[in-house]
Amino acid sequence: MNPVSAVLKQLIADRRTVKPEAFNSKPVPKEIILEMLEAANWAPTHGMTEPWRFVIFSGEKGVEQFGQLHAGIYQQETPSEQYLQKKYDTLLHKPDNASNVIVIIMKRGDNKNIPENEEMAATACAVQNMLLTAAAHQVAAYWGTGGMCYHPAMKTTLGFDEQDKIIGFLYLGYSNQEHPKGCRNTPIEKKITWR
């Protein structure tokens, strides 16, 4: 195996999810965020639609703004009989230790010959490129879809159209916790069929 392949294989295997509560509030340099976004822009894309879009909340004020936005949408859109103060507080404070929160959007283009699932897949590939770049810089990352992620109010509040889809929130930061070891429950040989 050539050295570049070995490094790439190891980077892919070592990438891990770290939850935001394990972050330590240390800021991720803007240059690394820009490098992650540039890597995202090289994801595969059918018909060159490049459907990925990102809304970035940066720094202490930015992540606080995201927490308030997220919790505020929950408070506004949840019927009073279903509203839980604990959930509101969780959404409000989840990003507290993050350096950045990036909202990931699949921007649906006008070419309806390209199926939506291909646009979603392209956007997910863009996020994987971001996650691998983050891992190369020892940046902790968490791709979450909880809370009000899929609620239409989140999308409209951020200025996106009905046909667009938010596919997650990417929390970024640094962590003092030991890097978790990678494992898979099933070897690849049990997931393939040769014909």
N, C-alpha and C. Protein backbone atom coordinates (compact mmCIF):
# COMPACT_ATOMS: atom_id res chain seq x y z
N MET A 1 0.86 -1.18 0.00
CA MET A 1 0.00 0.00 0.00
C MET A 1 0.89 1.23 0.00
N ASN A 2 0.56 2.19 -0.88
CA ASN A 2 1.40 3.40 -0.92
C ASN A 2 1.14 4.25 0.33
N PRO A 3 2.10 5.13 0.69
CA PRO A 3 1.99 5.89 1.94
C PRO A 3 0.73 6.77 2.01
N VAL A 4 0.33 7.38 0.89
CA VAL A 4 -0.86 8.24 0.91
C VAL A 4 -2.10 7.41 1.21
N SER A 5 -2.21 6.23 0.58
CA SER A 5 -3.35 5.35 0.84
C SER A 5 -3.40 4.92 2.30
N ALA A 6 -2.24 4.62 2.87
CA ALA A 6 -2.17 4.19 4.26
C ALA A 6 -2.64 5.30 5.20
N VAL A 7 -2.21 6.52 4.94
CA VAL A 7 -2.61 7.67 5.77
C VAL A 7 -4.11 7.90 5.64
N LEU A 8 -4.63 7.86 4.41
CA LEU A 8 -6.06 8.08 4.19
C LEU A 8 -6.89 6.98 4.87
N LYS A 9 -6.47 5.73 4.72
CA LYS A 9 -7.18 4.62 5.35
C LYS A 9 -7.22 4.80 6.87
N GLN A 10 -6.10 5.19 7.45
CA GLN A 10 -6.03 5.39 8.90
C GLN A 10 -6.92 6.55 9.34
N LEU A 11 -6.91 7.64 8.56
CA LEU A 11 -7.74 8.80 8.88
C LEU A 11 -9.22 8.42 8.87
N ILE A 12 -9.64 7.65 7.88
CA ILE A 12 -11.03 7.21 7.78
C ILE A 12 -11.38 6.33 8.99
N ALA A 13 -10.50 5.42 9.35
CA ALA A 13 -10.76 4.51 10.46
C ALA A 13 -10.74 5.24 11.81
N ASP A 14 -9.94 6.28 11.93
CA ASP A 14 -9.79 6.99 13.21
C ASP A 14 -10.85 8.07 13.45
N ARG A 15 -11.59 8.48 12.41
CA ARG A 15 -12.59 9.53 12.60
C ARG A 15 -13.65 9.04 13.58
N ARG A 16 -13.95 9.87 14.57
CA ARG A 16 -14.90 9.50 15.59
C ARG A 16 -15.82 10.65 15.92
N THR A 17 -17.01 10.33 16.40
CA THR A 17 -17.95 11.31 16.89
C THR A 17 -17.63 11.64 18.34
N VAL A 18 -17.61 12.93 18.65
CA VAL A 18 -17.43 13.38 20.03
C VAL A 18 -18.60 14.29 20.35
N LYS A 19 -19.34 13.99 21.39
CA LYS A 19 -20.53 14.78 21.73
C LYS A 19 -20.14 16.15 22.26
N PRO A 20 -20.96 17.17 21.97
CA PRO A 20 -20.63 18.55 22.35
C PRO A 20 -20.38 18.77 23.83
N GLU A 21 -21.01 17.98 24.69
CA GLU A 21 -20.78 18.16 26.12
C GLU A 21 -19.35 17.80 26.54
N ALA A 22 -18.61 17.11 25.65
CA ALA A 22 -17.21 16.78 25.93
C ALA A 22 -16.25 17.84 25.37
N PHE A 23 -16.79 18.85 24.70
CA PHE A 23 -15.93 19.91 24.16
C PHE A 23 -15.42 20.79 25.30
N ASN A 24 -14.33 21.52 25.03
CA ASN A 24 -13.70 22.34 26.08
C ASN A 24 -13.72 23.84 25.81
N SER A 25 -14.50 24.29 24.85
CA SER A 25 -14.67 25.72 24.52
C SER A 25 -13.49 26.35 23.79
N LYS A 26 -12.44 25.59 23.52
CA LYS A 26 -11.31 26.13 22.76
C LYS A 26 -11.75 26.40 21.33
N PRO A 27 -11.48 27.60 20.80
CA PRO A 27 -11.95 27.92 19.44
C PRO A 27 -11.18 27.19 18.35
N VAL A 28 -11.91 26.77 17.34
CA VAL A 28 -11.30 26.18 16.14
C VAL A 28 -10.92 27.34 15.22
N PRO A 29 -9.66 27.41 14.77
CA PRO A 29 -9.27 28.51 13.89
C PRO A 29 -10.12 28.57 12.62
N LYS A 30 -10.41 29.78 12.20
CA LYS A 30 -11.23 29.99 11.00
C LYS A 30 -10.61 29.31 9.78
N GLU A 31 -9.28 29.26 9.72
CA GLU A 31 -8.61 28.63 8.58
C GLU A 31 -8.98 27.15 8.47
N ILE A 32 -9.14 26.48 9.61
CA ILE A 32 -9.53 25.07 9.58
C ILE A 32 -10.98 24.94 9.12
N ILE A 33 -11.85 25.81 9.59
CA ILE A 33 -13.25 25.78 9.14
C ILE A 33 -13.31 25.98 7.62
N LEU A 34 -12.55 26.94 7.12
CA LEU A 34 -12.53 27.20 5.67
C LEU A 34 -11.98 26.00 4.90
N GLU A 35 -10.97 25.34 5.46
CA GLU A 35 -10.41 24.14 4.82
C GLU A 35 -11.46 23.02 4.78
N MET A 36 -12.21 22.88 5.85
CA MET A 36 -13.29 21.89 5.88
C MET A 36 -14.35 22.19 4.82
N LEU A 37 -14.71 23.45 4.68
CA LEU A 37 -15.73 23.84 3.70
C LEU A 37 -15.21 23.66 2.27
N GLU A 38 -13.95 23.93 2.05
CA GLU A 38 -13.35 23.71 0.73
C GLU A 38 -13.37 22.21 0.39
N ALA A 39 -13.06 21.38 1.38
CA ALA A 39 -13.12 19.93 1.16
C ALA A 39 -14.55 19.50 0.83
N ALA A 40 -15.52 20.09 1.52
CA ALA A 40 -16.93 19.78 1.25
C ALA A 40 -17.29 20.08 -0.20
N ASN A 41 -16.74 21.14 -0.70
CA ASN A 41 -17.09 21.59 -2.05
C ASN A 41 -16.60 20.64 -3.14
N TRP A 42 -15.76 19.66 -2.77
CA TRP A 42 -15.25 18.69 -3.74
C TRP A 42 -15.98 17.35 -3.65
N ALA A 43 -17.13 17.33 -3.02
CA ALA A 43 -17.92 16.10 -2.95
C ALA A 43 -18.45 15.74 -4.34
N PRO A 44 -18.75 14.46 -4.58
CA PRO A 44 -19.35 14.08 -5.87
C PRO A 44 -20.75 14.70 -5.99
N THR A 45 -21.09 15.09 -7.21
CA THR A 45 -22.37 15.74 -7.43
C THR A 45 -22.88 15.43 -8.84
N HIS A 46 -24.06 14.83 -8.91
CA HIS A 46 -24.67 14.50 -10.20
C HIS A 46 -25.13 15.79 -10.89
N GLY A 47 -24.72 15.96 -12.12
CA GLY A 47 -25.14 17.13 -12.88
C GLY A 47 -24.53 18.43 -12.37
N MET A 48 -23.49 18.33 -11.58
CA MET A 48 -22.81 19.52 -11.03
C MET A 48 -23.77 20.45 -10.31
N THR A 49 -24.74 19.87 -9.62
CA THR A 49 -25.72 20.70 -8.90
C THR A 49 -25.15 21.30 -7.62
N GLU A 50 -24.15 20.61 -7.03
CA GLU A 50 -23.50 21.11 -5.80
C GLU A 50 -24.54 21.59 -4.79
N PRO A 51 -25.38 20.68 -4.28
CA PRO A 51 -26.53 21.08 -3.48
C PRO A 51 -26.23 21.46 -2.03
N TRP A 52 -25.01 21.29 -1.57
CA TRP A 52 -24.69 21.57 -0.17
C TRP A 52 -24.65 23.05 0.12
N ARG A 53 -25.24 23.42 1.24
CA ARG A 53 -25.20 24.81 1.74
C ARG A 53 -24.95 24.74 3.24
N PHE A 54 -24.33 25.78 3.78
CA PHE A 54 -23.96 25.78 5.19
C PHE A 54 -24.24 27.14 5.81
N VAL A 55 -24.85 27.12 6.98
CA VAL A 55 -25.02 28.33 7.79
C VAL A 55 -24.14 28.13 9.01
N ILE A 56 -23.19 29.04 9.22
CA ILE A 56 -22.17 28.85 10.26
C ILE A 56 -22.38 29.83 11.40
N PHE A 57 -22.51 29.26 12.60
CA PHE A 57 -22.57 30.05 13.83
C PHE A 57 -21.21 29.89 14.50
N SER A 58 -20.49 31.00 14.66
CA SER A 58 -19.10 30.94 15.13
C SER A 58 -18.89 31.71 16.42
N GLY A 59 -17.94 31.20 17.21
CA GLY A 59 -17.54 31.90 18.41
C GLY A 59 -18.60 31.84 19.49
N GLU A 60 -18.28 32.39 20.63
CA GLU A 60 -19.18 32.34 21.78
C GLU A 60 -20.55 32.95 21.47
N LYS A 61 -20.55 34.12 20.83
CA LYS A 61 -21.82 34.78 20.51
C LYS A 61 -22.61 33.99 19.47
N GLY A 62 -21.90 33.45 18.48
CA GLY A 62 -22.57 32.69 17.43
C GLY A 62 -23.23 31.43 17.94
N VAL A 63 -22.49 30.64 18.75
CA VAL A 63 -23.09 29.40 19.25
C VAL A 63 -24.20 29.70 20.26
N GLU A 64 -24.07 30.80 20.99
CA GLU A 64 -25.15 31.21 21.90
C GLU A 64 -26.39 31.58 21.08
N GLN A 65 -26.18 32.28 19.97
CA GLN A 65 -27.29 32.64 19.08
C GLN A 65 -27.97 31.39 18.53
N PHE A 66 -27.15 30.37 18.14
CA PHE A 66 -27.74 29.13 17.64
C PHE A 66 -28.58 28.46 18.73
N GLY A 67 -28.06 28.39 19.96
CA GLY A 67 -28.80 27.78 21.05
C GLY A 67 -30.13 28.48 21.29
N GLN A 68 -30.10 29.81 21.26
CA GLN A 68 -31.33 30.58 21.46
C GLN A 68 -32.32 30.36 20.31
N LEU A 69 -31.80 30.32 19.09
CA LEU A 69 -32.63 30.08 17.91
C LEU A 69 -33.30 28.70 18.01
N HIS A 70 -32.50 27.69 18.30
CA HIS A 70 -32.99 26.32 18.35
C HIS A 70 -34.03 26.15 19.47
N ALA A 71 -33.70 26.62 20.67
CA ALA A 71 -34.64 26.52 21.80
C ALA A 71 -35.88 27.37 21.56
N GLY A 72 -35.70 28.54 20.94
CA GLY A 72 -36.83 29.42 20.64
C GLY A 72 -37.82 28.79 19.68
N ILE A 73 -37.31 28.10 18.66
CA ILE A 73 -38.20 27.42 17.72
C ILE A 73 -38.95 26.30 18.44
N TYR A 74 -38.26 25.58 19.30
CA TYR A 74 -38.93 24.54 20.09
C TYR A 74 -40.06 25.14 20.92
N GLN A 75 -39.77 26.22 21.60
CA GLN A 75 -40.77 26.87 22.47
C GLN A 75 -41.97 27.37 21.65
N GLN A 76 -41.68 27.96 20.51
CA GLN A 76 -42.73 28.53 19.66
C GLN A 76 -43.60 27.47 19.00
N GLU A 77 -42.99 26.37 18.57
CA GLU A 77 -43.67 25.39 17.72
C GLU A 77 -44.22 24.18 18.48
N THR A 78 -43.95 24.09 19.77
CA THR A 78 -44.41 22.93 20.53
C THR A 78 -45.69 23.26 21.28
N PRO A 79 -46.73 22.45 21.08
CA PRO A 79 -47.97 22.68 21.83
C PRO A 79 -47.68 22.64 23.34
N SER A 80 -48.36 23.47 24.09
CA SER A 80 -48.10 23.61 25.53
C SER A 80 -48.18 22.28 26.28
N GLU A 81 -49.09 21.40 25.85
CA GLU A 81 -49.22 20.11 26.55
C GLU A 81 -48.05 19.17 26.28
N GLN A 82 -47.26 19.46 25.25
CA GLN A 82 -46.09 18.63 24.94
C GLN A 82 -44.76 19.30 25.32
N TYR A 83 -44.84 20.57 25.66
CA TYR A 83 -43.63 21.34 25.96
C TYR A 83 -42.96 20.84 27.25
N LEU A 84 -41.63 20.68 27.17
CA LEU A 84 -40.85 20.27 28.34
C LEU A 84 -39.73 21.29 28.57
N GLN A 85 -39.72 21.89 29.74
CA GLN A 85 -38.68 22.87 30.07
C GLN A 85 -37.28 22.25 29.97
N LYS A 86 -37.16 20.99 30.35
CA LYS A 86 -35.86 20.30 30.29
C LYS A 86 -35.35 20.22 28.85
N LYS A 87 -36.25 19.94 27.92
CA LYS A 87 -35.84 19.87 26.51
C LYS A 87 -35.43 21.25 26.01
N TYR A 88 -36.18 22.27 26.38
CA TYR A 88 -35.83 23.65 26.03
C TYR A 88 -34.42 23.96 26.53
N ASP A 89 -34.15 23.66 27.79
CA ASP A 89 -32.84 23.94 28.38
C ASP A 89 -31.73 23.17 27.68
N THR A 90 -32.00 21.92 27.32
CA THR A 90 -31.02 21.10 26.61
C THR A 90 -30.67 21.73 25.26
N LEU A 91 -31.68 22.13 24.51
CA LEU A 91 -31.44 22.75 23.20
C LEU A 91 -30.71 24.08 23.35
N LEU A 92 -31.07 24.83 24.37
CA LEU A 92 -30.44 26.13 24.61
C LEU A 92 -28.95 25.98 24.92
N HIS A 93 -28.61 24.97 25.69
CA HIS A 93 -27.23 24.86 26.19
C HIS A 93 -26.38 23.81 25.49
N LYS A 94 -26.94 23.03 24.57
CA LYS A 94 -26.15 21.99 23.88
C LYS A 94 -24.90 22.56 23.21
N PRO A 95 -24.96 23.71 22.57
CA PRO A 95 -23.76 24.22 21.89
C PRO A 95 -22.80 24.99 22.79
N ASP A 96 -23.07 25.09 24.09
CA ASP A 96 -22.30 25.98 24.97
C ASP A 96 -20.78 25.82 24.87
N ASN A 97 -20.29 24.59 24.74
CA ASN A 97 -18.84 24.36 24.71
C ASN A 97 -18.28 24.26 23.30
N ALA A 98 -19.14 24.41 22.30
CA ALA A 98 -18.69 24.30 20.89
C ALA A 98 -18.04 25.61 20.44
N SER A 99 -17.16 25.47 19.49
CA SER A 99 -16.53 26.62 18.86
C SER A 99 -17.41 27.12 17.71
N ASN A 100 -18.04 26.16 17.03
CA ASN A 100 -18.88 26.47 15.87
C ASN A 100 -20.02 25.47 15.80
N VAL A 101 -21.14 25.93 15.24
CA VAL A 101 -22.22 25.02 14.85
C VAL A 101 -22.52 25.35 13.39
N ILE A 102 -22.48 24.32 12.57
CA ILE A 102 -22.75 24.50 11.14
C ILE A 102 -24.05 23.77 10.81
N VAL A 103 -25.03 24.52 10.30
CA VAL A 103 -26.28 23.92 9.85
C VAL A 103 -26.06 23.44 8.42
N ILE A 104 -26.38 22.17 8.18
CA ILE A 104 -26.14 21.54 6.88
C ILE A 104 -27.46 21.49 6.13
N ILE A 105 -27.46 22.05 4.93
CA ILE A 105 -28.69 22.11 4.12
C ILE A 105 -28.46 21.51 2.75
N MET A 106 -29.44 20.72 2.29
CA MET A 106 -29.46 20.28 0.90
C MET A 106 -30.36 21.26 0.15
N LYS A 107 -29.77 22.05 -0.71
CA LYS A 107 -30.50 23.05 -1.50
C LYS A 107 -30.96 22.39 -2.79
N ARG A 108 -32.25 22.18 -2.89
CA ARG A 108 -32.82 21.49 -4.05
C ARG A 108 -32.78 22.40 -5.26
N GLY A 109 -32.17 21.91 -6.33
CA GLY A 109 -32.08 22.68 -7.57
C GLY A 109 -33.32 22.54 -8.43
N ASP A 110 -33.29 23.19 -9.58
CA ASP A 110 -34.43 23.18 -10.50
C ASP A 110 -34.48 21.94 -11.38
N ASN A 111 -33.38 21.22 -11.49
CA ASN A 111 -33.33 20.05 -12.37
C ASN A 111 -34.00 18.87 -11.68
N LYS A 112 -35.27 18.65 -11.98
CA LYS A 112 -36.04 17.58 -11.33
C LYS A 112 -35.69 16.21 -11.90
N ASN A 113 -34.84 16.14 -12.95
CA ASN A 113 -34.37 14.86 -13.47
C ASN A 113 -33.38 14.22 -12.51
N ILE A 114 -32.81 15.02 -11.61
CA ILE A 114 -31.90 14.48 -10.61
C ILE A 114 -32.72 14.20 -9.36
N PRO A 115 -32.81 12.93 -8.96
CA PRO A 115 -33.64 12.58 -7.81
C PRO A 115 -33.15 13.25 -6.52
N GLU A 116 -34.09 13.54 -5.65
CA GLU A 116 -33.76 14.19 -4.38
C GLU A 116 -32.77 13.36 -3.56
N ASN A 117 -32.94 12.02 -3.59
CA ASN A 117 -32.04 11.20 -2.78
C ASN A 117 -30.58 11.32 -3.25
N GLU A 118 -30.35 11.62 -4.53
CA GLU A 118 -28.99 11.84 -5.00
C GLU A 118 -28.43 13.16 -4.49
N GLU A 119 -29.30 14.15 -4.37
CA GLU A 119 -28.87 15.44 -3.82
C GLU A 119 -28.55 15.31 -2.33
N MET A 120 -29.36 14.50 -1.62
CA MET A 120 -29.09 14.23 -0.21
C MET A 120 -27.77 13.49 -0.05
N ALA A 121 -27.55 12.51 -0.90
CA ALA A 121 -26.31 11.73 -0.83
C ALA A 121 -25.09 12.63 -1.11
N ALA A 122 -25.21 13.51 -2.08
CA ALA A 122 -24.11 14.42 -2.39
C ALA A 122 -23.80 15.32 -1.19
N THR A 123 -24.85 15.81 -0.54
CA THR A 123 -24.65 16.67 0.64
C THR A 123 -24.02 15.89 1.77
N ALA A 124 -24.44 14.64 1.96
CA ALA A 124 -23.82 13.80 2.99
C ALA A 124 -22.35 13.54 2.68
N CYS A 125 -22.02 13.36 1.41
CA CYS A 125 -20.61 13.19 1.02
C CYS A 125 -19.81 14.46 1.35
N ALA A 126 -20.41 15.61 1.14
CA ALA A 126 -19.75 16.87 1.48
C ALA A 126 -19.45 16.93 2.98
N VAL A 127 -20.41 16.46 3.79
CA VAL A 127 -20.20 16.46 5.24
C VAL A 127 -19.10 15.47 5.62
N GLN A 128 -19.07 14.31 4.98
CA GLN A 128 -18.00 13.35 5.27
C GLN A 128 -16.63 13.96 4.96
N ASN A 129 -16.53 14.70 3.87
CA ASN A 129 -15.26 15.38 3.57
C ASN A 129 -14.89 16.36 4.69
N MET A 130 -15.90 17.05 5.22
CA MET A 130 -15.66 17.97 6.33
C MET A 130 -15.20 17.23 7.58
N LEU A 131 -15.86 16.10 7.87
CA LEU A 131 -15.51 15.33 9.06
C LEU A 131 -14.09 14.77 8.97
N LEU A 132 -13.69 14.32 7.80
CA LEU A 132 -12.33 13.79 7.63
C LEU A 132 -11.30 14.90 7.77
N THR A 133 -11.62 16.08 7.25
CA THR A 133 -10.71 17.23 7.40
C THR A 133 -10.61 17.63 8.86
N ALA A 134 -11.73 17.64 9.56
CA ALA A 134 -11.72 17.94 10.99
C ALA A 134 -10.84 16.94 11.74
N ALA A 135 -11.01 15.66 11.43
CA ALA A 135 -10.23 14.61 12.10
C ALA A 135 -8.73 14.79 11.84
N ALA A 136 -8.38 15.21 10.63
CA ALA A 136 -6.97 15.43 10.30
C ALA A 136 -6.35 16.53 11.16
N HIS A 137 -7.19 17.45 11.64
CA HIS A 137 -6.73 18.56 12.49
C HIS A 137 -7.04 18.33 13.97
N GLN A 138 -7.45 17.11 14.34
CA GLN A 138 -7.81 16.77 15.71
C GLN A 138 -8.95 17.65 16.25
N VAL A 139 -9.84 18.07 15.35
CA VAL A 139 -11.03 18.83 15.74
C VAL A 139 -12.13 17.82 16.05
N ALA A 140 -12.75 17.97 17.22
CA ALA A 140 -13.86 17.10 17.60
C ALA A 140 -15.12 17.53 16.84
N ALA A 141 -15.91 16.56 16.43
CA ALA A 141 -17.10 16.87 15.63
C ALA A 141 -18.26 15.96 16.02
N TYR A 142 -19.45 16.55 15.93
CA TYR A 142 -20.68 15.81 16.22
C TYR A 142 -21.73 16.23 15.20
N TRP A 143 -22.21 15.28 14.40
CA TRP A 143 -23.26 15.53 13.42
C TRP A 143 -24.57 15.09 14.06
N GLY A 144 -25.38 16.05 14.48
CA GLY A 144 -26.62 15.76 15.17
C GLY A 144 -27.84 16.14 14.34
N THR A 145 -28.94 15.41 14.60
CA THR A 145 -30.20 15.70 13.89
C THR A 145 -31.36 15.83 14.85
N GLY A 146 -31.10 16.00 16.12
CA GLY A 146 -32.17 16.06 17.11
C GLY A 146 -32.85 17.41 17.18
N GLY A 147 -33.70 17.51 18.21
CA GLY A 147 -34.39 18.77 18.45
C GLY A 147 -35.29 19.16 17.29
N MET A 148 -35.13 20.38 16.84
CA MET A 148 -36.00 20.93 15.80
C MET A 148 -35.35 20.89 14.42
N CYS A 149 -34.36 20.04 14.26
CA CYS A 149 -33.60 19.97 13.00
C CYS A 149 -34.51 19.87 11.77
N TYR A 150 -35.47 18.96 11.83
CA TYR A 150 -36.31 18.71 10.65
C TYR A 150 -37.60 19.54 10.64
N HIS A 151 -37.80 20.37 11.64
CA HIS A 151 -39.03 21.16 11.68
C HIS A 151 -38.98 22.25 10.61
N PRO A 152 -40.07 22.44 9.86
CA PRO A 152 -40.08 23.46 8.80
C PRO A 152 -39.70 24.85 9.30
N ALA A 153 -39.99 25.17 10.54
CA ALA A 153 -39.68 26.50 11.07
C ALA A 153 -38.18 26.76 11.12
N MET A 154 -37.39 25.70 11.33
CA MET A 154 -35.93 25.87 11.35
C MET A 154 -35.46 26.31 9.97
N LYS A 155 -35.98 25.65 8.96
CA LYS A 155 -35.59 25.94 7.57
C LYS A 155 -36.01 27.36 7.17
N THR A 156 -37.23 27.72 7.46
CA THR A 156 -37.70 29.04 7.05
C THR A 156 -37.02 30.15 7.85
N THR A 157 -36.74 29.90 9.13
CA THR A 157 -36.05 30.89 9.95
C THR A 157 -34.66 31.20 9.37
N LEU A 158 -34.03 30.17 8.80
CA LEU A 158 -32.69 30.35 8.21
C LEU A 158 -32.74 30.83 6.76
N GLY A 159 -33.95 31.00 6.22
CA GLY A 159 -34.10 31.59 4.89
C GLY A 159 -34.05 30.60 3.74
N PHE A 160 -34.40 29.33 4.01
CA PHE A 160 -34.40 28.34 2.94
C PHE A 160 -35.81 28.01 2.49
N ASP A 161 -35.91 27.43 1.28
CA ASP A 161 -37.20 27.16 0.66
C ASP A 161 -37.80 25.84 1.14
N GLU A 162 -39.08 25.67 0.85
CA GLU A 162 -39.81 24.48 1.29
C GLU A 162 -39.17 23.20 0.77
N GLN A 163 -38.67 23.19 -0.47
CA GLN A 163 -38.12 21.97 -1.06
C GLN A 163 -36.70 21.66 -0.56
N ASP A 164 -36.05 22.61 0.11
CA ASP A 164 -34.72 22.38 0.67
C ASP A 164 -34.86 21.54 1.94
N LYS A 165 -33.78 20.89 2.34
CA LYS A 165 -33.84 20.04 3.51
C LYS A 165 -32.63 20.31 4.42
N ILE A 166 -32.90 20.51 5.70
CA ILE A 166 -31.81 20.55 6.67
C ILE A 166 -31.51 19.09 7.00
N ILE A 167 -30.23 18.72 6.91
CA ILE A 167 -29.89 17.32 7.20
C ILE A 167 -29.01 17.18 8.44
N GLY A 168 -28.86 18.25 9.18
CA GLY A 168 -28.15 18.11 10.44
C GLY A 168 -27.47 19.37 10.90
N PHE A 169 -26.99 19.30 12.14
CA PHE A 169 -26.19 20.35 12.75
C PHE A 169 -24.82 19.75 13.04
N LEU A 170 -23.77 20.40 12.59
CA LEU A 170 -22.42 19.92 12.82
C LEU A 170 -21.78 20.79 13.91
N TYR A 171 -21.61 20.19 15.09
CA TYR A 171 -20.98 20.87 16.22
C TYR A 171 -19.49 20.61 16.16
N LEU A 172 -18.68 21.66 16.29
CA LEU A 172 -17.22 21.53 16.20
C LEU A 172 -16.55 22.13 17.42
N GLY A 173 -15.44 21.56 17.81
CA GLY A 173 -14.67 22.08 18.92
C GLY A 173 -13.46 21.22 19.19
N TYR A 174 -12.93 21.34 20.36
CA TYR A 174 -11.82 20.49 20.82
C TYR A 174 -12.27 19.80 22.08
N SER A 175 -11.65 18.68 22.38
CA SER A 175 -12.02 17.92 23.56
C SER A 175 -10.77 17.42 24.28
N ASN A 176 -10.86 17.36 25.60
CA ASN A 176 -9.77 16.82 26.40
C ASN A 176 -9.92 15.31 26.61
N GLN A 177 -11.06 14.76 26.20
CA GLN A 177 -11.28 13.33 26.43
C GLN A 177 -10.39 12.50 25.51
N GLU A 178 -10.09 11.30 25.97
CA GLU A 178 -9.27 10.39 25.16
C GLU A 178 -10.03 10.05 23.88
N HIS A 179 -9.31 10.03 22.77
CA HIS A 179 -9.93 9.75 21.48
C HIS A 179 -10.49 8.32 21.49
N PRO A 180 -11.78 8.16 21.25
CA PRO A 180 -12.34 6.80 21.29
C PRO A 180 -11.77 5.93 20.18
N LYS A 181 -11.62 4.65 20.48
CA LYS A 181 -11.12 3.69 19.48
C LYS A 181 -12.26 3.31 18.55
N GLY A 182 -11.91 3.05 17.32
CA GLY A 182 -12.90 2.66 16.33
C GLY A 182 -13.17 1.17 16.37
N CYS A 183 -14.39 0.82 16.04
CA CYS A 183 -14.74 -0.60 15.91
C CYS A 183 -15.96 -0.71 15.00
N ARG A 184 -16.14 -1.87 14.45
CA ARG A 184 -17.32 -2.18 13.66
C ARG A 184 -17.89 -3.48 14.19
N ASN A 185 -19.21 -3.59 14.25
CA ASN A 185 -19.86 -4.78 14.79
C ASN A 185 -19.74 -5.98 13.86
N THR A 186 -19.68 -5.70 12.56
CA THR A 186 -19.66 -6.77 11.57
C THR A 186 -18.54 -6.51 10.57
N PRO A 187 -17.71 -7.51 10.27
CA PRO A 187 -16.65 -7.30 9.28
C PRO A 187 -17.25 -7.09 7.89
N ILE A 188 -16.51 -6.40 7.05
CA ILE A 188 -16.98 -6.06 5.70
C ILE A 188 -17.33 -7.31 4.89
N GLU A 189 -16.65 -8.41 5.13
CA GLU A 189 -16.91 -9.64 4.37
C GLU A 189 -18.34 -10.13 4.51
N LYS A 190 -18.98 -9.80 5.64
CA LYS A 190 -20.36 -10.22 5.86
C LYS A 190 -21.38 -9.24 5.29
N LYS A 191 -20.89 -8.15 4.68
CA LYS A 191 -21.77 -7.13 4.13
C LYS A 191 -21.71 -7.05 2.61
N ILE A 192 -20.99 -7.97 1.99
CA ILE A 192 -20.84 -7.93 0.54
C ILE A 192 -21.23 -9.26 -0.09
N THR A 193 -21.66 -9.18 -1.33
CA THR A 193 -21.95 -10.35 -2.13
C THR A 193 -21.20 -10.20 -3.45
N TRP A 194 -20.36 -11.15 -3.77
CA TRP A 194 -19.64 -11.13 -5.05
C TRP A 194 -20.47 -11.90 -6.08
N ARG A 195 -20.60 -11.35 -7.26
CA ARG A 195 -21.35 -12.01 -8.34
C ARG A 195 -20.45 -12.23 -9.53
